[in-house]
Amino acid sequence: MSEFQPASPNRYPKRKGKPGRVDLDVSELDNLIDDQGIRLRIVPSILCPNRDTLEGTNHHLDCTVCNGDEAVDVVDECFETFGAIQSIRHEKKLEVQGIWDEKDATLTLQSKDRIYFWYKVIVLDFASIYNELIKKDDDDTDKLRYPPNRSCDTPYHLIDSENKSYRKGVDYRIINETFLKWLTSNRPKVGTLYSICYPVFPTFRVLETLHENRFYNVTSKEKERVPVNLPQQAVIRWDYLANRSGNRQIINEEPT
């Protein structure tokens, strides 16, 4: 069972007499998410600094630091945890929050986990479908935006601008997680666009933190008052914006 994580080593004497009428037990929500939440990978992200000035929003569209996404993922510091994701379609609270896009959802994490704007949230045990438009490169490989989810049996579909179809395992295969390698001369023409539909891990971005900086002192089960952070909740949205640019990468051919 999960135990709450103190936010500080500081301790304070408890007030004599009965505590307040309500004493929140952070570990109960943490245990509920532990038991019934879904497995997530959280990737911290920071604002891309590839801009001309401090004041403006003139981010370079052809940026090779973030590939045009305006946020840089700190992949080396990602972590796995459990959380709860639910729709906010019927929880719009228009007077307080404004109108959310119906593609948005809410994410609730355990009290030990902290997230911030633009963090990437990847759902690991489920699959979704992604349609991607790709410009055919002049070599044998093209880069996909997301790693395909190989744990499901969802079929791949690929057609070019002349409505010609291509088959996975015959005309192309996936190598090194996110690269599509063409196997024969039967391929789209260089410089033309083609569409591929393939299974991915559902991937979201944190747009806003709903419950942030919520602090509390646990008193009822402790000898002293213990400072804790209450669980965070955030608005997340599908990370569906197209890659607008990117560098070519050196590829080792490891078929999947």
Protein backbone atom coordinates (compact mmCIF):
# COMPACT_ATOMS: atom_id res chain seq x y z
CA MET A 1 0.00 0.00 0.00
CA SER A 2 1.21 3.49 -0.80
CA GLU A 3 2.22 5.94 1.92
CA PHE A 4 2.13 9.69 1.48
CA GLN A 5 5.44 11.43 0.83
CA PRO A 6 6.23 14.31 3.21
CA ALA A 7 6.95 17.53 1.34
CA SER A 8 9.40 18.74 3.96
CA PRO A 9 11.50 17.31 6.83
CA ASN A 10 10.08 20.01 9.10
CA ARG A 11 7.72 18.98 11.87
CA TYR A 12 5.44 21.10 14.08
CA PRO A 13 3.66 20.39 17.37
CA LYS A 14 0.00 19.43 17.13
CA ARG A 15 -2.64 21.67 18.64
CA LYS A 16 -4.05 20.27 21.83
CA GLY A 17 -7.64 19.16 21.73
CA LYS A 18 -9.65 17.85 18.81
CA PRO A 19 -8.43 18.58 15.27
CA GLY A 20 -10.67 20.12 12.65
CA ARG A 21 -13.77 18.29 11.46
CA VAL A 22 -12.02 17.11 8.27
CA ASP A 23 -8.56 15.57 8.00
CA LEU A 24 -7.63 14.50 4.47
CA ASP A 25 -5.89 11.15 4.14
CA VAL A 26 -3.63 11.57 1.10
CA SER A 27 -2.59 7.91 1.12
CA GLU A 28 -6.18 6.76 0.45
CA LEU A 29 -6.29 8.50 -2.94
CA ASP A 30 -2.73 7.35 -3.68
CA ASN A 31 -3.74 3.75 -2.94
CA LEU A 32 -6.84 4.04 -5.13
CA ILE A 33 -4.75 5.26 -8.08
CA ASP A 34 -2.19 2.52 -7.36
CA ASP A 35 -4.91 -0.14 -7.55
CA GLN A 36 -7.11 1.15 -10.38
CA GLY A 37 -5.02 3.71 -12.29
CA ILE A 38 -3.36 3.13 -15.65
CA ARG A 39 0.39 2.90 -16.23
CA LEU A 40 1.92 6.11 -17.58
CA ARG A 41 5.30 7.37 -18.70
CA ILE A 42 5.84 11.03 -17.84
CA VAL A 43 8.44 12.90 -19.91
CA PRO A 44 9.48 16.30 -18.51
CA SER A 45 9.59 19.10 -21.09
CA ILE A 46 11.06 22.59 -21.09
CA LEU A 47 10.41 25.64 -23.24
CA CYS A 48 12.53 25.68 -26.38
CA PRO A 49 14.99 28.63 -26.21
CA ASN A 50 15.38 28.94 -29.99
CA ARG A 51 13.83 32.44 -30.17
CA ASP A 52 15.03 35.89 -31.14
CA THR A 53 14.02 37.87 -28.05
CA LEU A 54 12.91 37.39 -24.46
CA GLU A 55 9.62 39.21 -24.95
CA GLY A 56 8.27 37.80 -28.20
CA THR A 57 6.79 34.45 -29.18
CA ASN A 58 8.78 34.36 -32.42
CA HIS A 59 9.86 30.76 -32.19
CA HIS A 60 11.66 29.47 -35.29
CA LEU A 61 9.35 27.21 -37.29
CA ASP A 62 12.30 25.29 -38.76
CA CYS A 63 13.80 24.72 -35.31
CA THR A 64 16.06 21.67 -35.10
CA VAL A 65 16.15 21.78 -31.29
CA CYS A 66 12.48 20.87 -30.74
CA ASN A 67 11.43 19.95 -34.31
CA GLY A 68 8.91 22.79 -34.31
CA ASP A 69 7.00 21.70 -31.18
CA GLU A 70 8.21 24.68 -29.06
CA ALA A 71 8.98 22.30 -26.16
CA VAL A 72 12.05 20.10 -25.66
CA ASP A 73 11.49 16.67 -24.08
CA VAL A 74 13.99 15.69 -21.37
CA VAL A 75 13.84 11.99 -22.21
CA ASP A 76 16.64 11.00 -19.80
CA GLU A 77 14.52 12.14 -16.85
CA CYS A 78 11.27 10.37 -17.73
CA PHE A 79 9.60 8.17 -15.12
CA GLU A 80 6.77 5.65 -14.96
CA THR A 81 3.85 5.91 -12.58
CA PHE A 82 0.11 5.31 -12.33
CA GLY A 83 -2.63 7.87 -12.88
CA ALA A 84 -6.29 8.35 -13.79
CA ILE A 85 -7.41 9.94 -17.07
CA GLN A 86 -11.01 10.96 -17.66
CA SER A 87 -12.99 13.13 -20.02
CA ILE A 88 -13.90 16.65 -18.97
CA ARG A 89 -16.70 16.99 -21.51
CA HIS A 90 -19.35 17.11 -18.77
CA GLU A 91 -17.25 19.03 -16.25
CA LYS A 92 -16.82 22.33 -18.04
CA LYS A 93 -17.20 24.83 -15.15
CA LEU A 94 -17.57 27.61 -17.69
CA GLU A 95 -17.63 30.45 -15.17
CA VAL A 96 -14.28 29.45 -13.70
CA GLN A 97 -12.21 27.79 -16.40
CA GLY A 98 -13.72 28.91 -19.70
CA ILE A 99 -14.59 26.45 -22.45
CA TRP A 100 -12.31 23.44 -22.81
CA ASP A 101 -11.88 21.66 -26.12
CA GLU A 102 -13.75 18.35 -26.03
CA LYS A 103 -10.54 16.59 -27.04
CA ASP A 104 -9.11 17.53 -23.64
CA ALA A 105 -9.12 15.31 -20.57
CA THR A 106 -8.13 15.51 -16.92
CA LEU A 107 -5.18 13.66 -15.42
CA THR A 108 -4.96 12.86 -11.71
CA LEU A 109 -1.64 11.68 -10.25
CA GLN A 110 -0.45 10.42 -6.89
CA SER A 111 0.84 12.93 -4.37
CA LYS A 112 4.47 11.86 -4.94
CA ASP A 113 4.40 12.80 -8.66
CA ARG A 114 4.81 16.36 -9.92
CA ILE A 115 4.12 17.61 -13.46
CA TYR A 116 4.18 20.96 -15.22
CA PHE A 117 3.19 22.64 -18.48
CA TRP A 118 4.01 20.77 -21.70
CA TYR A 119 5.09 17.58 -19.95
CA LYS A 120 4.42 14.60 -22.21
CA VAL A 121 2.09 11.87 -20.87
CA ILE A 122 2.25 8.46 -22.58
CA VAL A 123 -0.29 5.70 -21.83
CA LEU A 124 1.65 2.42 -21.92
CA ASP A 125 -0.92 -0.39 -21.80
CA PHE A 126 -3.38 0.76 -24.46
CA ALA A 127 -3.30 1.64 -28.16
CA SER A 128 -4.74 4.39 -30.31
CA ILE A 129 -4.74 5.05 -34.05
CA TYR A 130 -2.72 7.85 -35.61
CA ASN A 131 -2.93 9.16 -39.18
CA GLU A 132 0.25 10.82 -40.37
CA LEU A 133 1.07 12.67 -43.58
CA ILE A 134 4.68 12.20 -44.68
CA LYS A 135 6.75 13.67 -47.50
CA LYS A 136 8.75 10.94 -49.25
CA ASP A 137 12.46 11.42 -48.69
CA ASP A 138 15.12 10.71 -51.28
CA ASP A 139 16.54 7.67 -49.49
CA ASP A 140 15.18 4.36 -48.17
CA THR A 141 13.85 5.64 -44.84
CA ASP A 142 11.20 8.06 -43.58
CA LYS A 143 10.72 9.09 -39.96
CA LEU A 144 7.43 8.54 -38.14
CA ARG A 145 6.29 10.99 -35.48
CA TYR A 146 5.49 8.32 -32.86
CA PRO A 147 6.85 4.85 -32.07
CA PRO A 148 4.26 2.30 -33.26
CA ASN A 149 2.57 0.23 -30.57
CA ARG A 150 3.64 -3.34 -31.36
CA SER A 151 1.62 -4.98 -28.59
CA CYS A 152 -1.67 -4.83 -30.51
CA ASP A 153 -2.89 -6.40 -33.75
CA THR A 154 -4.19 -3.18 -35.31
CA PRO A 155 -3.32 -3.24 -39.04
CA TYR A 156 -1.25 -0.61 -40.83
CA HIS A 157 -2.64 1.24 -43.87
CA LEU A 158 -0.48 3.28 -46.26
CA ILE A 159 -1.50 5.01 -49.50
CA ASP A 160 0.21 7.59 -51.69
CA SER A 161 -1.12 10.64 -53.55
CA GLU A 162 -2.07 8.42 -56.51
CA ASN A 163 -4.24 6.22 -54.25
CA LYS A 164 -1.80 3.34 -54.47
CA SER A 165 -1.57 1.07 -51.40
CA TYR A 166 1.55 -0.45 -49.86
CA ARG A 167 1.83 -3.39 -47.47
CA LYS A 168 3.82 -3.67 -44.25
CA GLY A 169 6.32 -6.54 -44.42
CA VAL A 170 6.22 -6.54 -48.23
CA ASP A 171 6.90 -2.98 -49.33
CA TYR A 172 8.16 -1.52 -46.04
CA ARG A 173 8.93 -2.35 -42.42
CA ILE A 174 9.53 -0.45 -39.17
CA ILE A 175 13.11 -0.17 -37.88
CA ASN A 176 14.56 1.48 -34.77
CA GLU A 177 11.14 2.27 -33.30
CA THR A 178 10.23 5.32 -35.39
CA PHE A 179 11.69 4.80 -38.88
CA LEU A 180 9.89 3.37 -41.89
CA LYS A 181 12.26 1.57 -44.27
CA TRP A 182 11.27 0.91 -47.86
CA LEU A 183 12.23 -2.59 -48.99
CA THR A 184 11.80 -2.43 -52.76
CA SER A 185 11.50 0.06 -55.60
CA ASN A 186 7.74 -0.11 -55.14
CA ARG A 187 7.35 3.10 -53.14
CA PRO A 188 5.89 6.64 -53.43
CA LYS A 189 7.73 9.10 -55.65
CA VAL A 190 10.38 11.29 -54.02
CA GLY A 191 8.95 14.60 -52.86
CA THR A 192 5.31 13.45 -52.94
CA LEU A 193 3.08 13.00 -49.93
CA TYR A 194 1.71 9.75 -48.55
CA SER A 195 -0.52 8.85 -45.60
CA ILE A 196 0.07 6.11 -43.07
CA CYS A 197 -2.37 4.95 -40.42
CA TYR A 198 -0.76 2.97 -37.58
CA PRO A 199 -1.24 2.06 -33.89
CA VAL A 200 0.49 4.27 -31.31
CA PHE A 201 0.62 4.66 -27.56
CA PRO A 202 -1.92 7.38 -26.60
CA THR A 203 0.22 10.49 -26.07
CA PHE A 204 -0.85 13.75 -24.44
CA ARG A 205 0.60 17.11 -23.42
CA VAL A 206 -0.11 18.98 -20.18
CA LEU A 207 -1.91 22.22 -21.04
CA GLU A 208 -2.74 23.51 -17.59
CA THR A 209 -2.48 22.42 -13.98
CA LEU A 210 -5.89 22.59 -12.31
CA HIS A 211 -4.87 21.70 -8.77
CA GLU A 212 -1.40 23.12 -8.19
CA ASN A 213 0.33 24.39 -5.05
CA ARG A 214 -2.13 22.64 -2.75
CA PHE A 215 -0.41 22.17 0.59
CA TYR A 216 -1.64 20.45 3.70
CA ASN A 217 -0.57 19.31 7.17
CA VAL A 218 -1.46 15.73 8.08
CA THR A 219 -2.33 15.55 11.76
CA SER A 220 -4.73 12.76 12.66
CA LYS A 221 -2.40 9.75 12.36
CA GLU A 222 0.89 11.45 13.17
CA LYS A 223 2.53 12.57 16.39
CA GLU A 224 3.32 15.91 14.76
CA ARG A 225 1.95 17.98 11.90
CA VAL A 226 3.53 16.68 8.67
CA PRO A 227 3.60 18.97 5.57
CA VAL A 228 2.50 17.15 2.39
CA ASN A 229 1.68 18.05 -1.20
CA LEU A 230 -1.85 17.11 -2.22
CA PRO A 231 -2.23 15.22 -5.53
CA GLN A 232 -2.04 17.22 -8.75
CA GLN A 233 -4.69 17.35 -11.43
CA ALA A 234 -4.05 18.71 -14.93
CA VAL A 235 -5.76 19.32 -18.26
CA ILE A 236 -4.12 17.26 -21.00
CA ARG A 237 -4.63 17.18 -24.77
CA TRP A 238 -3.70 14.76 -27.54
CA ASP A 239 -0.21 15.47 -28.83
CA TYR A 240 -1.48 15.47 -32.42
CA LEU A 241 0.28 18.52 -33.90
CA ALA A 242 2.29 17.53 -36.98
CA ASN A 243 6.07 17.55 -36.96
CA ARG A 244 7.01 20.60 -39.02
CA SER A 245 10.71 19.92 -39.34
CA GLY A 246 13.52 17.78 -38.00
CA ASN A 247 17.05 16.53 -38.46
CA ARG A 248 17.92 13.28 -40.16
CA GLN A 249 19.36 10.73 -37.78
CA ILE A 250 21.94 7.97 -38.13
CA ILE A 251 20.07 4.69 -38.24
CA ASN A 252 21.08 1.19 -37.21
CA GLU A 253 18.86 -1.30 -38.98
CA GLU A 254 17.13 -3.33 -36.28
CA PRO A 255 13.83 -4.60 -37.75
CA THR A 256 10.70 -4.76 -35.61
